[in-house]
Protein backbone atom coordinates (compact mmCIF):
# COMPACT_ATOMS: atom_id res chain seq x y z
CA UNK A 1 -2.73 6.91 -2.20
CA UNK A 2 -1.83 10.03 -1.80
CA UNK A 3 -5.45 12.10 -1.70
CA UNK A 4 -6.52 9.22 1.07
CA UNK A 5 -3.16 9.75 3.58
CA UNK A 6 -4.33 13.06 3.34
CA UNK A 7 -7.28 12.41 5.00
CA UNK A 8 -5.27 10.04 8.02
CA UNK A 9 -4.63 12.32 10.77
CA UNK A 10 -4.09 12.07 14.19
CA UNK A 11 -0.96 10.06 16.61
CA UNK A 12 -3.09 6.55 16.07
CA UNK A 13 -2.29 6.73 12.72
CA UNK A 14 1.35 7.83 13.09
CA UNK A 15 3.28 4.59 12.64
CA UNK A 16 1.07 4.20 9.19
CA UNK A 17 2.50 7.00 8.05
CA UNK A 18 5.25 6.29 8.26
CA UNK A 19 7.07 3.30 5.63
CA UNK A 20 9.72 1.58 4.58
CA UNK A 21 10.95 1.25 1.08
CA UNK A 22 13.69 -0.88 -0.74
CA UNK A 23 15.72 0.94 -3.24
CA UNK A 24 15.91 -1.08 -6.18
CA UNK A 25 18.90 0.06 -7.29
CA UNK A 26 20.98 -0.94 -4.40
CA UNK A 27 18.73 -2.78 -1.76
CA UNK A 28 18.96 -0.79 0.81
CA UNK A 29 16.08 -0.15 3.26
CA UNK A 30 14.44 3.61 4.20
CA UNK A 31 11.70 5.01 5.88
CA UNK A 32 9.82 7.15 4.78
CA UNK A 33 6.53 9.70 5.22
CA UNK A 34 3.98 8.38 3.04
CA UNK A 35 3.29 11.36 2.08
CA UNK A 36 6.75 11.89 0.52
CA UNK A 37 6.70 8.59 -1.19
CA UNK A 38 3.38 9.00 -2.95
CA UNK A 39 4.88 12.77 -3.62
CA UNK A 40 7.38 10.20 -5.43
CA UNK A 41 4.36 9.53 -8.61
CA UNK A 42 3.71 12.91 -9.89
CA UNK A 43 6.89 14.97 -8.70
CA UNK A 44 9.28 11.50 -9.19
CA UNK A 45 11.98 11.37 -6.41
CA UNK A 46 16.10 11.87 -7.12
CA UNK A 47 19.05 9.69 -4.53
CA UNK A 48 22.57 12.10 -4.19
CA UNK A 49 24.10 11.08 -7.27
CA UNK A 50 21.03 12.83 -9.20
CA UNK A 51 19.46 9.25 -10.92
CA UNK A 52 16.11 8.08 -10.33
CA UNK A 53 15.01 6.70 -7.57
CA UNK A 54 13.49 3.05 -7.85
CA UNK A 55 11.50 2.74 -4.99
CA UNK A 56 8.94 -0.11 -3.72
CA UNK A 57 7.58 -0.59 -0.17
CA UNK A 58 8.17 -3.28 1.65
CA UNK A 59 4.66 -5.56 2.68
CA UNK A 60 2.47 -2.28 2.90
CA UNK A 61 0.19 -2.13 3.67
CA UNK A 62 0.32 -4.71 6.88
CA UNK A 63 -3.82 -4.72 6.35
CA UNK A 64 -5.95 -3.52 4.25
CA UNK A 65 -8.19 -1.71 6.48
CA UNK A 66 -11.91 -0.56 6.67
CA UNK A 67 -10.93 1.15 9.14
CA UNK A 68 -7.81 3.11 8.30
CA UNK A 69 -8.61 3.83 4.91
CA UNK A 70 -12.60 3.21 3.80
CA UNK A 71 -12.88 4.55 0.79
CA UNK A 72 -9.64 3.18 -0.73
CA UNK A 73 -10.14 -0.17 -0.11
CA UNK A 74 -13.74 -0.24 -1.24
CA UNK A 75 -12.54 0.54 -4.58
CA UNK A 76 -9.91 -1.90 -4.05
CA UNK A 77 -12.03 -4.45 -3.03
CA UNK A 78 -14.36 -3.52 -6.31
CA UNK A 79 -11.67 -3.27 -8.73
CA UNK A 80 -10.55 -6.97 -8.06
CA UNK A 81 -10.96 -9.80 -11.02
CA UNK A 82 -12.45 -12.75 -10.61
CA UNK A 83 -14.51 -11.40 -7.60
CA UNK A 84 -15.81 -15.10 -6.88
CA UNK A 85 -12.37 -15.90 -6.26
CA UNK A 86 -11.17 -12.31 -4.50
CA UNK A 87 -13.64 -10.62 -2.73
CA UNK A 88 -12.27 -10.89 0.71
CA UNK A 89 -15.29 -10.82 2.59
CA UNK A 90 -17.88 -12.89 0.40
CA UNK A 91 -16.08 -14.77 -2.24
CA UNK A 92 -18.11 -17.64 -2.26
CA UNK A 93 -15.33 -19.43 -3.89
CA UNK A 94 -12.66 -17.75 -1.40
CA UNK A 95 -11.23 -19.95 1.03
CA UNK A 96 -10.42 -17.09 3.31
CA UNK A 97 -13.43 -16.42 3.59
CA UNK A 98 -13.93 -19.73 5.23
CA UNK A 99 -11.26 -19.59 7.68
CA UNK A 100 -11.56 -18.46 11.53
CA UNK A 101 -12.56 -15.14 12.26
CA UNK A 102 -9.24 -14.91 14.63
CA UNK A 103 -7.46 -15.93 10.90
CA UNK A 104 -6.87 -12.81 9.23
CA UNK A 105 -5.75 -12.63 5.41
CA UNK A 106 -6.49 -9.82 3.59
CA UNK A 107 -5.53 -8.54 0.19
CA UNK A 108 -2.13 -7.06 -0.34
CA UNK A 109 -1.04 -4.89 -3.33
CA UNK A 110 2.00 -3.73 -3.94
CA UNK A 111 3.90 -0.46 -4.67
CA UNK A 112 6.59 0.98 -6.77
CA UNK A 113 7.20 3.00 -8.72
CA UNK A 114 10.94 4.46 -10.87
CA UNK A 115 11.59 6.60 -13.84
CA UNK A 116 9.43 9.32 -14.36
CA UNK A 117 8.72 7.96 -18.18
């Protein structure tokens, strides 16, 4: 994800680069730059009391689209199990594929981290 965000530039993606994260220890929500959030995976993050922060992204990504993160989207979809049910484009048994074009249902990821160990 961090590599994918390094490839995004320009003002049309600014809202995509600003993420809302929830601190799982006190359930407070804060705004982060996506680069800073994902840096926490390798460097860890600490709060003002020097405790490790346990963060999760709140309802993100809003839509995993080919336009915003094309390589990540392709990699994500290729790693889904039970392709007949989970492939969002051509899963023969995925009911969401059969919905009208104006209804958008895409896979959602849950991204969180905490202690460096």
